[in-house]
Structure formats: C-alpha cells, structure tokens
Amino acid sequence: MGAHISNVRPKPDQVLVDIADYVSKYKVKSKEAYDTARYCLLDTLGCGFEALEYPACTKLLGPVVQGTLVPNGAKVPGTQFQLDPIQAAFNIGTMIRWLDFNDTWLAAEWGHPSDNLGGILAVADWLSRNAVATGRKPLTVADVLTAMIKAHEIQGCIALENSFNKVGLDHVVLVKVATTAVVAQMLGLGKDEILNALSLAWVDGQSLRTYRHTPNTGSRKSWAAGDATSRAVRLALISKTGEMGYPSVLSAKTWGFYDVLFKGKQFKFQRKFGSYVMENILFKISFPAEFHAQTAAESAMALFQQMQSLGKTAEDIKKIRIRTHEAAIRIIDKQGPLANPADRDHCIQYMVAVPLLFGRLTAADYEDSVASDPRIDRLRKKIVCVEDKRFTRDYLDPKKRSIANALSVEFKDGTKLKEVVCEYPLGHKRRRKEGMPLLVEKFKTNLARRFPAPRQRAILDLCMDAERLAAMPVNEFVDLFVI
C-alpha cells in the first residue's frame, strides 16, 4: 500500500505565488522595456495586417456564430469585427502569429511572447469601451505596454531553464499562463483569484507539439497561440466569478503537472521576474522565418549577392554546408517532401534554398505557387546541417544569446566561396540601432496593406510619439485600425 496522502488543502505552489505577486505588485520602471514594448506593439499589429492577405488565416476569423453583435465588444484591428473578448483574443492572436513574423524568445524553451497581445489587447479594448459607456476612465496604451512587458517576462523567464518541447508539449502553454496572469490583473482580480486563474491554466491538458514537427507539421501551429491566449481570457473570466482553484496544481504527487507532464521535475528559474525579457526580445525584421533560421537566411542572401557578382546561379552549386546550433537541428533540419506552408517555414533547407535561388524570402515564398518550382527541392537535397558545439553553447549563454549559422558553398567546378558566418540576426538586441529603423519600415509596409495614406500618416505620427501614444485610451487607439 502507498503512503496515505493528506486531504488537507495545501498552500499554493510557490511558482503561482511568484507570478501572482509579480503581476499585482511589481512596478515596471525600465525605460528601455517601455521603448521596446512600443516597437513590439507596432510590429505585432503589422504582422497581423500582413496575415489578413491570406485566406487560410481569414477563414478562421470573425464571430463563432455569424451575425453575432457584441455592444461595446473588443474590435479586431484591420477588420470590421467587434467581438466578445474571448473570441476577439483568438482573432487577434491568430492574425499576429499566422506568418511566423512576430517576435521570438529562444532559451531552453522557445516561443513568441507577443502572442499574448491577443488576449491583452482584446480585454483592454473591451474594458475600455465598457468604461466609456458607463462614464468611467478607460485603460490607456500605457496599460497595454505594461501588460505586454509582464506577459513577456512570465513566458520568457519560465522558458529560460525549462524545456517543454523535450517532453512533447508546445510552448503555447506559456502563452496561456502569461496571458491568464496579466488579464486577471487587468480585470481587477485579487491575489487569490489570480492564483485560482493560474492554477486553471496549468491544469489544462496542454497542447502537443506534433503540429510543429515531421510528419504532422500543419497550420495549427499558426493558430495555436490564438487558441491559448483566448483560453486564458476565458479562464480569467471564470475565476472572476469566484470559481475555485487548485493550489498544488504543479506539485501534487501523481496528479500534478510535474508528475503527469514534466517527468517529475520541478521548474527551475534563472532570475526573478522584472523586465529582462522585453529588453532582450528578438524581432523578426528581415524574414518571416522560424527564428533559428534567421541568420541562415541572412547568410544565404549574402552568398546570393556574391554568386551574382561571379556570374553563378544556384544551378552551379554542388553542395552546401550549414554549421548551426543544436536547437536548429532539432526543430528545422528536414529532408523529404514538405506538405504545406507551415511545413516549409520550419525547414532550414527550404529557407536557405529560396534566397539562393531568388535573392529573397517572403511569406508568399512558402505558398504552393513558389514551392512547386523543382529547383527548390533539388537544392534542398544538396544542403547538410552539422552542429557546432560553440554555437550551441553561445545560444544558451544568457550574456550572448546568439542564434548562429554559417554557410559554405562548393560549386560543381570545384571552386568554393568563403564561409559566411552570422551569429546575431538583425532583430537581436546587439543590433538594435541597426534594426529599429528597419522595423519601422516593416510597420509602414504592413500599414499600407490595409489603410489609406492619410490614416497611415496619422497612425505613424502617433506611434512615433511615445508620450502621446502611452496616454491614449485603448479604445481610441484600436479605432485607428478598424476598417
């Protein structure tokens, strides 16, 4: 017989307490974090606007029941939809994640902390519209930026030392947890209610990663974060009713998260919650590509330019070697057929072959119309990935956080090009000065996809004025983006 398990209700797991204390008590004072969050807000919305050009994304948007009207509901930027906050969170979260072009965090676990904006913006807008309707003060964009910083921090700090992918779980579990925490605080929940909400987020079964990996890679990876952030809003609202929580959801023997889903291991933490993650977030500026391949694509573009100057084309290539880090090999080193765009943007060989052939890598390059070009697969077969142990160490080093790739090309005539090494992508903190003007240009391009020129100018003028933007009511800010 096993030992008797006490029926005394335990104290909440310390991880839950630390998160609840952080969202309810911590004051963000970092100017760098707020400046970065502002750029992150713009870039994340812009990624959503580009995604609206793809029917595979837009078919999932709108209300669950066609024709549903929600007075004072949350509006979905770039569309005409006004929805309840749960479905609005799904819409916004799905848009911004669809093309794999929003920000990234790489550590023991990977992820995209701006995915949390789906729930944050939907709830902030919904609360603001209802506040205005009843004569109360709405939330401001500064409140959204604060929530973004804290959601980034929760997701990113857990990810630093804890690998969910190694047990087969998808990183969107951290989107659900982070969004639940900040949304619960935005809704005015007390500490006990926030603890209840967090426990409900962890007690969900959690998504498997199978939709991100061969042989099942598919489009759910583009809406999984929308699903997670909307589920978080639902759980926070459930907790607001006074629904109970489960204090040892992580640590309970046999039935808790650690024993059921984390091989009995407890979470480890490298640092306390602050504003580190937002300050060090990785932006995707150049390419809509899985982040472990960003420097590979950048290197391929440099090689393409060299080949052009020598009068050579991809057809002249005999073989290509990619020196890379272990995480890239584990996630995106793929041979064989690629079934869909989601499969292609998680294949490092594809993301190198396209720039070497065409001198570009855009979202459209993952579609069937481009992928059907037989030269891509012929070139993919010539590409071999090998791990560089130093690249792997530097990838995990908190002082470096590199995402290195090195490409070398050998031609059929026996000549070779000097290896091109790129350790830090354009969106890395070490290249902020170089990258931010280009991030703004990316935002301008995406604005032009949805809005007339006068509206584009008004939005840009506002967004480049940090103080005016921060003070703006959320509902007025969102109205600028409504079609």
Protein backbone atom coordinates (compact mmCIF):
# COMPACT_ATOMS: atom_id res chain seq x y z
CA MET A 1 0.00 0.00 0.00
CA GLY A 2 1.22 3.50 -0.77
CA ALA A 3 1.60 6.18 1.89
CA HIS A 4 -1.58 7.99 2.86
CA ILE A 5 -1.98 11.33 1.08
CA SER A 6 -3.22 14.12 3.31
CA ASN A 7 -6.56 15.65 2.40
CA VAL A 8 -5.53 18.99 3.92
CA ARG A 9 -5.69 21.71 1.29
CA PRO A 10 -2.07 22.75 0.61
CA LYS A 11 -0.66 26.23 0.21
CA PRO A 12 -0.41 27.42 -3.40
CA ASP A 13 2.69 26.35 -5.30
CA GLN A 14 5.41 28.98 -5.00
CA VAL A 15 5.56 29.43 -8.78
CA LEU A 16 1.91 30.52 -8.76
CA VAL A 17 2.52 32.88 -5.84
CA ASP A 18 5.54 34.47 -7.52
CA ILE A 19 3.62 35.10 -10.74
CA ALA A 20 0.59 36.49 -8.89
CA ASP A 21 2.77 38.80 -6.80
CA TYR A 22 4.61 39.98 -9.88
CA VAL A 23 1.55 40.95 -11.91
CA SER A 24 -0.22 42.59 -8.97
CA LYS A 25 2.67 44.37 -7.23
CA TYR A 26 5.69 44.86 -9.49
CA LYS A 27 6.17 48.37 -10.91
CA VAL A 28 7.95 48.45 -14.25
CA LYS A 29 10.46 51.30 -14.23
CA SER A 30 12.66 50.41 -17.18
CA LYS A 31 12.50 53.00 -19.95
CA GLU A 32 14.23 50.50 -22.23
CA ALA A 33 11.46 47.98 -21.61
CA TYR A 34 8.73 50.51 -22.44
CA ASP A 35 10.54 51.73 -25.55
CA THR A 36 10.97 48.17 -26.75
CA ALA A 37 7.36 47.32 -25.90
CA ARG A 38 6.16 50.21 -28.06
CA TYR A 39 8.08 48.87 -31.05
CA CYS A 40 6.83 45.40 -30.23
CA LEU A 41 3.21 46.60 -30.21
CA LEU A 42 3.58 48.18 -33.64
CA ASP A 43 5.41 45.25 -35.16
CA THR A 44 2.96 42.71 -33.77
CA LEU A 45 -0.05 44.54 -35.18
CA GLY A 46 1.73 44.90 -38.50
CA CYS A 47 2.32 41.15 -38.68
CA GLY A 48 -1.42 40.70 -38.25
CA PHE A 49 -2.21 43.08 -41.09
CA GLU A 50 0.02 41.12 -43.46
CA ALA A 51 -1.64 37.86 -42.39
CA LEU A 52 -5.04 39.27 -43.42
CA GLU A 53 -3.94 38.87 -47.03
CA TYR A 54 -4.06 35.08 -46.65
CA PRO A 55 -7.46 33.31 -46.91
CA ALA A 56 -6.15 30.40 -44.84
CA CYS A 57 -5.96 32.86 -41.94
CA THR A 58 -9.08 34.96 -42.55
CA LYS A 59 -11.35 31.92 -42.83
CA LEU A 60 -10.80 31.38 -39.10
CA LEU A 61 -11.68 34.93 -38.06
CA GLY A 62 -14.93 36.58 -37.01
CA PRO A 63 -17.58 35.52 -34.50
CA VAL A 64 -18.26 31.86 -33.76
CA VAL A 65 -21.88 32.38 -34.81
CA GLN A 66 -22.16 34.55 -37.91
CA GLY A 67 -24.07 37.77 -37.33
CA THR A 68 -23.40 37.92 -33.57
CA LEU A 69 -23.35 41.51 -32.32
CA VAL A 70 -21.49 42.48 -29.15
CA PRO A 71 -22.24 46.03 -27.97
CA ASN A 72 -19.06 47.56 -26.51
CA GLY A 73 -17.16 44.43 -27.56
CA ALA A 74 -13.50 44.32 -28.48
CA LYS A 75 -12.64 45.32 -32.04
CA VAL A 76 -10.24 43.30 -34.16
CA PRO A 77 -7.65 45.61 -35.81
CA GLY A 78 -7.60 45.51 -39.59
CA THR A 79 -11.14 44.12 -39.79
CA GLN A 80 -14.76 45.12 -39.19
CA PHE A 81 -15.28 42.59 -36.40
CA GLN A 82 -16.42 43.58 -32.91
CA LEU A 83 -16.50 40.50 -30.70
CA ASP A 84 -16.65 39.23 -27.16
CA PRO A 85 -13.18 39.37 -25.57
CA ILE A 86 -12.60 35.62 -25.76
CA GLN A 87 -13.23 35.35 -29.49
CA ALA A 88 -11.50 38.68 -30.13
CA ALA A 89 -8.42 37.30 -28.39
CA PHE A 90 -8.49 34.28 -30.70
CA ASN A 91 -8.84 36.52 -33.77
CA ILE A 92 -6.03 38.89 -32.81
CA GLY A 93 -3.76 36.11 -31.57
CA THR A 94 -4.25 34.10 -34.76
CA MET A 95 -3.58 37.08 -37.03
CA ILE A 96 -0.37 38.14 -35.37
CA ARG A 97 1.06 34.63 -35.27
CA TRP A 98 -0.05 33.39 -38.68
CA LEU A 99 3.03 34.18 -40.76
CA ASP A 100 5.67 33.41 -38.11
CA PHE A 101 6.88 37.02 -38.35
CA ASN A 102 6.32 38.37 -34.82
CA ASP A 103 8.89 38.46 -32.03
CA THR A 104 10.75 35.46 -30.63
CA TRP A 105 12.33 34.23 -27.40
CA LEU A 106 14.92 31.45 -27.50
CA ALA A 107 16.20 29.54 -24.48
CA ALA A 108 15.60 26.05 -23.07
CA GLU A 109 12.09 26.63 -24.44
CA TRP A 110 11.19 28.71 -27.48
CA GLY A 111 8.23 30.91 -28.13
CA HIS A 112 6.79 34.20 -29.26
CA PRO A 113 5.82 36.37 -26.28
CA SER A 114 3.94 38.92 -28.39
CA ASP A 115 1.36 36.15 -28.91
CA ASN A 116 0.00 37.35 -25.57
CA LEU A 117 -1.13 40.59 -27.20
CA GLY A 118 -4.19 38.73 -28.49
CA GLY A 119 -5.67 38.48 -25.00
CA ILE A 120 -4.16 41.70 -23.67
CA LEU A 121 -5.48 43.98 -26.42
CA ALA A 122 -8.88 42.29 -26.62
CA VAL A 123 -9.51 42.63 -22.88
CA ALA A 124 -8.08 46.15 -22.67
CA ASP A 125 -10.30 47.33 -25.53
CA TRP A 126 -13.41 45.58 -24.16
CA LEU A 127 -12.86 47.03 -20.67
CA SER A 128 -12.22 50.49 -22.12
CA ARG A 129 -15.36 50.55 -24.27
CA ASN A 130 -17.49 49.47 -21.34
CA ALA A 131 -15.82 52.03 -19.08
CA VAL A 132 -16.56 54.85 -21.54
CA ALA A 133 -20.15 53.65 -21.91
CA THR A 134 -20.68 53.96 -18.15
CA GLY A 135 -18.78 57.23 -17.63
CA ARG A 136 -15.57 55.71 -16.23
CA LYS A 137 -11.97 56.19 -17.34
CA PRO A 138 -10.73 53.75 -19.98
CA LEU A 139 -7.41 51.97 -19.90
CA THR A 140 -4.58 53.61 -21.80
CA VAL A 141 -1.98 52.25 -24.19
CA ALA A 142 0.49 52.53 -21.30
CA ASP A 143 -1.55 49.85 -19.51
CA VAL A 144 -1.26 47.64 -22.59
CA LEU A 145 2.50 48.16 -22.72
CA THR A 146 2.83 47.29 -19.03
CA ALA A 147 0.81 44.12 -19.52
CA MET A 148 2.97 43.22 -22.53
CA ILE A 149 6.18 43.66 -20.53
CA LYS A 150 4.86 41.44 -17.75
CA ALA A 151 3.50 38.77 -20.09
CA HIS A 152 6.82 38.69 -21.92
CA GLU A 153 8.60 38.34 -18.59
CA ILE A 154 6.46 35.47 -17.31
CA GLN A 155 6.66 33.49 -20.52
CA GLY A 156 10.34 34.21 -21.08
CA CYS A 157 11.62 33.61 -17.55
CA ILE A 158 9.92 30.23 -17.33
CA ALA A 159 11.33 29.38 -20.75
CA LEU A 160 14.93 30.20 -19.75
CA GLU A 161 15.52 26.98 -17.83
CA ASN A 162 12.53 24.72 -18.58
CA SER A 163 12.14 22.81 -21.82
CA PHE A 164 8.55 21.88 -22.60
CA ASN A 165 9.47 20.73 -26.11
CA LYS A 166 11.64 17.94 -24.69
CA VAL A 167 8.55 16.38 -23.10
CA GLY A 168 6.48 16.90 -26.26
CA LEU A 169 4.50 19.93 -25.09
CA ASP A 170 4.08 23.08 -27.15
CA HIS A 171 5.34 26.45 -25.97
CA VAL A 172 1.84 27.93 -26.16
CA VAL A 173 1.28 26.59 -22.64
CA LEU A 174 3.36 29.60 -21.56
CA VAL A 175 1.20 31.96 -23.63
CA LYS A 176 -1.84 30.64 -21.78
CA VAL A 177 -0.21 31.06 -18.37
CA ALA A 178 1.24 34.53 -19.07
CA THR A 179 -1.96 35.89 -20.61
CA THR A 180 -4.05 34.45 -17.78
CA ALA A 181 -1.90 36.27 -15.22
CA VAL A 182 -1.90 39.71 -16.81
CA VAL A 183 -5.51 39.59 -17.97
CA ALA A 184 -6.63 38.54 -14.48
CA GLN A 185 -4.89 41.62 -13.10
CA MET A 186 -6.45 43.85 -15.79
CA LEU A 187 -9.87 42.50 -14.83
CA GLY A 188 -9.29 43.63 -11.25
CA LEU A 189 -8.94 40.21 -9.68
CA GLY A 190 -7.39 39.95 -6.23
CA LYS A 191 -4.38 37.79 -5.46
CA ASP A 192 -6.42 34.72 -4.51
CA GLU A 193 -8.45 34.95 -7.70
CA ILE A 194 -5.27 35.37 -9.78
CA LEU A 195 -3.86 32.25 -8.10
CA ASN A 196 -7.06 30.38 -8.97
CA ALA A 197 -6.87 31.50 -12.59
CA LEU A 198 -3.22 30.48 -12.90
CA SER A 199 -3.97 27.05 -11.47
CA LEU A 200 -6.75 26.59 -14.04
CA ALA A 201 -4.30 27.43 -16.81
CA TRP A 202 -1.82 24.80 -15.65
CA VAL A 203 -4.47 22.15 -15.05
CA ASP A 204 -5.49 22.18 -18.73
CA GLY A 205 -4.05 19.19 -20.57
CA GLN A 206 -1.76 21.41 -22.73
CA SER A 207 -1.11 21.22 -26.46
CA LEU A 208 1.16 18.62 -28.02
CA ARG A 209 3.93 19.87 -30.34
CA THR A 210 3.12 17.34 -33.02
CA TYR A 211 1.69 20.00 -35.35
CA ARG A 212 5.13 21.64 -35.50
CA HIS A 213 7.11 18.54 -36.44
CA THR A 214 7.50 15.99 -39.19
CA PRO A 215 5.40 14.13 -40.25
CA ASN A 216 2.44 16.15 -38.95
CA THR A 217 3.53 19.77 -39.45
CA GLY A 218 0.47 21.84 -40.20
CA SER A 219 -1.39 25.11 -39.91
CA ARG A 220 -2.48 24.62 -36.30
CA LYS A 221 0.93 25.99 -35.38
CA SER A 222 -0.32 29.30 -36.78
CA TRP A 223 -3.46 29.45 -34.64
CA ALA A 224 -2.32 27.56 -31.54
CA ALA A 225 -1.24 30.76 -29.81
CA GLY A 226 -4.56 32.43 -30.66
CA ASP A 227 -6.27 29.47 -29.06
CA ALA A 228 -4.03 29.70 -25.97
CA THR A 229 -4.45 33.43 -25.42
CA SER A 230 -8.23 33.23 -25.85
CA ARG A 231 -8.41 30.28 -23.45
CA ALA A 232 -6.51 32.40 -20.95
CA VAL A 233 -9.15 35.15 -21.18
CA ARG A 234 -11.85 32.53 -20.63
CA LEU A 235 -10.12 31.16 -17.53
CA ALA A 236 -9.54 34.62 -16.06
CA LEU A 237 -13.24 35.43 -16.54
CA ILE A 238 -14.21 32.12 -14.92
CA SER A 239 -12.03 32.98 -11.95
CA LYS A 240 -13.65 36.39 -11.68
CA THR A 241 -16.92 34.62 -10.82
CA GLY A 242 -15.27 33.21 -7.69
CA GLU A 243 -14.64 29.75 -9.14
CA MET A 244 -12.17 27.76 -7.06
CA GLY A 245 -8.59 26.93 -7.97
CA TYR A 246 -6.17 24.07 -7.37
CA PRO A 247 -3.27 25.27 -5.23
CA SER A 248 -0.83 22.38 -5.79
CA VAL A 249 -1.64 22.00 -9.48
CA LEU A 250 2.08 21.78 -10.25
CA SER A 251 3.46 19.82 -7.33
CA ALA A 252 0.69 17.41 -6.32
CA LYS A 253 2.05 13.86 -6.29
CA THR A 254 0.76 11.66 -9.12
CA TRP A 255 -1.88 14.15 -10.31
CA GLY A 256 0.08 17.40 -10.64
CA PHE A 257 1.71 18.93 -13.72
CA TYR A 258 5.22 17.94 -12.71
CA ASP A 259 4.43 14.24 -12.31
CA VAL A 260 1.96 13.92 -15.18
CA LEU A 261 3.58 16.08 -17.86
CA PHE A 262 7.10 17.11 -16.79
CA LYS A 263 8.72 13.79 -15.89
CA GLY A 264 8.60 14.59 -12.18
CA LYS A 265 10.89 17.61 -12.49
CA GLN A 266 10.12 20.93 -10.85
CA PHE A 267 10.58 24.21 -12.69
CA LYS A 268 13.94 25.95 -12.36
CA PHE A 269 14.43 29.70 -12.54
CA GLN A 270 17.48 31.66 -13.64
CA ARG A 271 16.26 35.06 -12.45
CA LYS A 272 13.42 36.86 -10.69
CA PHE A 273 10.64 38.47 -12.70
CA GLY A 274 11.45 42.01 -13.82
CA SER A 275 11.71 43.41 -17.37
CA TYR A 276 14.64 41.40 -18.76
CA VAL A 277 12.71 39.56 -21.46
CA MET A 278 11.20 42.60 -23.16
CA GLU A 279 14.56 44.34 -23.06
CA ASN A 280 16.20 41.38 -24.80
CA ILE A 281 13.41 40.24 -27.11
CA LEU A 282 14.27 39.14 -30.65
CA PHE A 283 12.47 40.86 -33.52
CA LYS A 284 11.96 39.27 -36.92
CA ILE A 285 12.83 42.10 -39.26
CA SER A 286 14.18 40.60 -42.47
CA PHE A 287 12.38 37.31 -42.96
CA PRO A 288 9.11 35.60 -41.96
CA ALA A 289 11.05 32.51 -40.93
CA GLU A 290 11.42 30.31 -37.87
CA PHE A 291 13.94 32.21 -35.80
CA HIS A 292 16.64 29.56 -35.68
CA ALA A 293 16.98 30.09 -39.44
CA GLN A 294 17.12 33.90 -39.45
CA THR A 295 20.92 34.08 -39.59
CA ALA A 296 20.98 31.24 -42.13
CA ALA A 297 18.67 33.19 -44.44
CA GLU A 298 20.72 36.35 -43.90
CA SER A 299 23.88 34.42 -44.81
CA ALA A 300 22.19 32.94 -47.87
CA MET A 301 21.28 36.42 -49.07
CA ALA A 302 24.94 37.47 -48.75
CA LEU A 303 26.01 34.39 -50.73
CA PHE A 304 23.41 35.15 -53.40
CA GLN A 305 25.00 38.57 -53.92
CA GLN A 306 28.46 37.02 -54.22
CA MET A 307 27.19 34.44 -56.71
CA GLN A 308 25.60 37.16 -58.83
CA SER A 309 28.89 39.07 -58.98
CA LEU A 310 30.65 35.88 -60.13
CA GLY A 311 28.00 35.05 -62.73
CA LYS A 312 26.98 31.88 -60.93
CA THR A 313 23.50 30.59 -60.04
CA ALA A 314 22.09 28.01 -57.67
CA GLU A 315 22.21 25.51 -60.53
CA ASP A 316 26.02 25.68 -60.34
CA ILE A 317 26.09 24.54 -56.70
CA LYS A 318 27.41 21.09 -55.82
CA LYS A 319 26.82 21.17 -52.06
CA ILE A 320 26.06 23.49 -49.14
CA ARG A 321 27.05 23.02 -45.53
CA ILE A 322 25.22 24.78 -42.69
CA ARG A 323 27.13 24.98 -39.42
CA THR A 324 24.45 25.55 -36.81
CA HIS A 325 23.31 25.08 -33.22
CA GLU A 326 21.58 22.04 -31.73
CA ALA A 327 18.14 23.62 -31.42
CA ALA A 328 18.05 24.36 -35.14
CA ILE A 329 18.88 20.77 -35.98
CA ARG A 330 16.20 19.51 -33.60
CA ILE A 331 13.44 21.75 -34.94
CA ILE A 332 14.04 22.69 -38.59
CA ASP A 333 16.56 20.28 -40.14
CA LYS A 334 14.23 18.49 -42.57
CA GLN A 335 14.65 16.25 -45.58
CA GLY A 336 11.97 14.79 -47.83
CA PRO A 337 8.67 16.24 -49.05
CA LEU A 338 7.14 19.35 -47.46
CA ALA A 339 3.38 19.24 -47.38
CA ASN A 340 2.26 22.85 -46.80
CA PRO A 341 3.46 26.39 -45.96
CA ALA A 342 3.65 25.53 -42.26
CA ASP A 343 5.99 22.65 -43.13
CA ARG A 344 8.18 24.85 -45.33
CA ASP A 345 8.72 27.70 -42.87
CA HIS A 346 10.06 25.14 -40.40
CA CYS A 347 12.65 23.72 -42.80
CA ILE A 348 16.09 25.38 -42.73
CA GLN A 349 16.99 23.86 -46.10
CA TYR A 350 13.94 25.50 -47.69
CA MET A 351 14.69 28.84 -46.02
CA VAL A 352 18.23 28.75 -47.42
CA ALA A 353 17.36 27.41 -50.87
CA VAL A 354 14.84 30.15 -51.68
CA PRO A 355 17.25 33.08 -51.06
CA LEU A 356 20.00 31.32 -53.01
CA LEU A 357 17.65 30.87 -55.94
CA PHE A 358 15.68 34.13 -55.93
CA GLY A 359 17.50 36.57 -53.66
CA ARG A 360 14.51 36.91 -51.34
CA LEU A 361 12.47 35.14 -48.66
CA THR A 362 8.91 36.40 -48.16
CA ALA A 363 5.72 34.94 -46.73
CA ALA A 364 4.50 34.25 -50.25
CA ASP A 365 7.53 32.06 -50.89
CA TYR A 366 6.07 29.34 -48.67
CA GLU A 367 2.95 29.02 -50.80
CA ASP A 368 2.42 26.22 -53.33
CA SER A 369 2.89 28.56 -56.29
CA VAL A 370 6.56 29.05 -55.36
CA ALA A 371 7.21 25.71 -53.67
CA SER A 372 6.24 23.84 -56.85
CA ASP A 373 9.45 25.09 -58.53
CA PRO A 374 11.52 21.86 -58.79
CA ARG A 375 14.79 23.76 -58.35
CA ILE A 376 13.99 24.32 -54.66
CA ASP A 377 13.84 20.63 -53.79
CA ARG A 378 16.89 19.88 -55.94
CA LEU A 379 18.86 22.46 -53.98
CA ARG A 380 17.48 21.27 -50.63
CA LYS A 381 18.97 17.83 -51.27
CA LYS A 382 22.43 19.40 -51.53
CA ILE A 383 22.23 21.02 -48.07
CA VAL A 384 23.70 19.34 -44.99
CA CYS A 385 23.46 20.61 -41.40
CA VAL A 386 26.16 19.96 -38.80
CA GLU A 387 26.18 21.07 -35.18
CA ASP A 388 28.84 23.49 -33.97
CA LYS A 389 29.20 22.98 -30.20
CA ARG A 390 30.31 26.58 -29.68
CA PHE A 391 27.22 27.85 -31.46
CA THR A 392 25.10 25.69 -29.14
CA ARG A 393 26.89 27.00 -26.03
CA ASP A 394 26.58 30.62 -27.12
CA TYR A 395 22.90 30.08 -27.91
CA LEU A 396 22.30 29.13 -24.27
CA ASP A 397 24.67 31.69 -22.73
CA PRO A 398 22.49 34.46 -21.16
CA LYS A 399 25.22 37.02 -21.86
CA LYS A 400 25.33 36.19 -25.57
CA ARG A 401 22.04 34.55 -26.63
CA SER A 402 23.37 34.15 -30.17
CA ILE A 403 21.45 32.30 -32.90
CA ALA A 404 24.40 31.47 -35.12
CA ASN A 405 24.53 29.88 -38.55
CA ALA A 406 27.43 29.63 -41.01
CA LEU A 407 27.02 28.73 -44.69
CA SER A 408 29.63 27.42 -47.05
CA VAL A 409 29.08 26.72 -50.75
CA GLU A 410 31.02 24.47 -53.12
CA PHE A 411 30.38 24.65 -56.87
CA LYS A 412 30.40 21.87 -59.46
CA ASP A 413 33.61 23.25 -60.98
CA GLY A 414 35.42 22.69 -57.67
CA THR A 415 35.56 26.34 -56.58
CA LYS A 416 34.25 27.46 -53.21
CA LEU A 417 33.00 30.63 -51.62
CA LYS A 418 34.40 31.73 -48.28
CA GLU A 419 32.09 30.64 -45.46
CA VAL A 420 29.62 33.33 -44.39
CA VAL A 421 29.07 33.42 -40.62
CA CYS A 422 26.21 35.30 -38.96
CA GLU A 423 25.91 34.91 -35.19
CA TYR A 424 23.36 37.61 -34.32
CA PRO A 425 20.33 38.28 -36.52
CA LEU A 426 19.17 41.77 -37.40
CA GLY A 427 16.44 41.69 -34.74
CA HIS A 428 18.84 40.86 -31.88
CA LYS A 429 19.43 43.32 -29.04
CA ARG A 430 23.07 43.63 -30.14
CA ARG A 431 21.83 45.06 -33.45
CA ARG A 432 19.03 47.32 -32.11
CA LYS A 433 20.47 50.54 -33.56
CA GLU A 434 20.66 48.94 -36.98
CA GLY A 435 17.36 47.13 -36.70
CA MET A 436 14.80 49.58 -35.29
CA PRO A 437 14.60 51.89 -38.33
CA LEU A 438 14.01 48.81 -40.47
CA LEU A 439 11.36 47.56 -38.04
CA VAL A 440 9.53 50.86 -38.52
CA GLU A 441 9.78 50.42 -42.30
CA LYS A 442 8.30 46.95 -41.91
CA PHE A 443 5.39 48.50 -39.97
CA LYS A 444 4.88 51.13 -42.66
CA THR A 445 4.72 48.42 -45.32
CA ASN A 446 2.14 46.50 -43.33
CA LEU A 447 0.03 49.59 -42.65
CA ALA A 448 -0.12 50.24 -46.37
CA ARG A 449 -1.69 46.82 -46.88
CA ARG A 450 -4.88 47.87 -45.05
CA PHE A 451 -5.22 51.63 -44.73
CA PRO A 452 -5.34 54.73 -46.97
CA ALA A 453 -2.40 57.12 -46.93
CA PRO A 454 -3.92 59.77 -44.59
CA ARG A 455 -4.69 57.09 -41.97
CA GLN A 456 -1.19 55.65 -42.32
CA ARG A 457 0.35 59.05 -41.62
CA ALA A 458 -1.88 59.65 -38.59
CA ILE A 459 -1.02 56.26 -37.14
CA LEU A 460 2.72 56.72 -37.71
CA ASP A 461 2.73 60.21 -36.22
CA LEU A 462 1.03 58.87 -33.11
CA CYS A 463 3.18 55.78 -32.76
CA MET A 464 6.44 57.70 -33.07
CA ASP A 465 5.37 59.99 -30.19
CA ALA A 466 5.91 57.74 -27.16
CA GLU A 467 4.24 60.03 -24.60
CA ARG A 468 1.14 60.74 -26.68
CA LEU A 469 0.76 57.07 -27.55
CA ALA A 470 1.08 55.92 -23.93
CA ALA A 471 -1.61 58.37 -22.78
CA MET A 472 -4.13 57.42 -25.47
CA PRO A 473 -7.27 55.50 -24.41
CA VAL A 474 -7.10 51.94 -25.69
CA ASN A 475 -10.47 52.12 -27.45
CA GLU A 476 -9.39 55.21 -29.39
CA PHE A 477 -6.11 53.55 -30.32
CA VAL A 478 -7.86 50.43 -31.63
CA ASP A 479 -10.37 52.55 -33.57
CA LEU A 480 -7.47 53.86 -35.65
CA PHE A 481 -7.04 50.36 -37.06
CA VAL A 482 -10.66 49.49 -37.79
CA ILE A 483 -11.63 49.08 -41.44
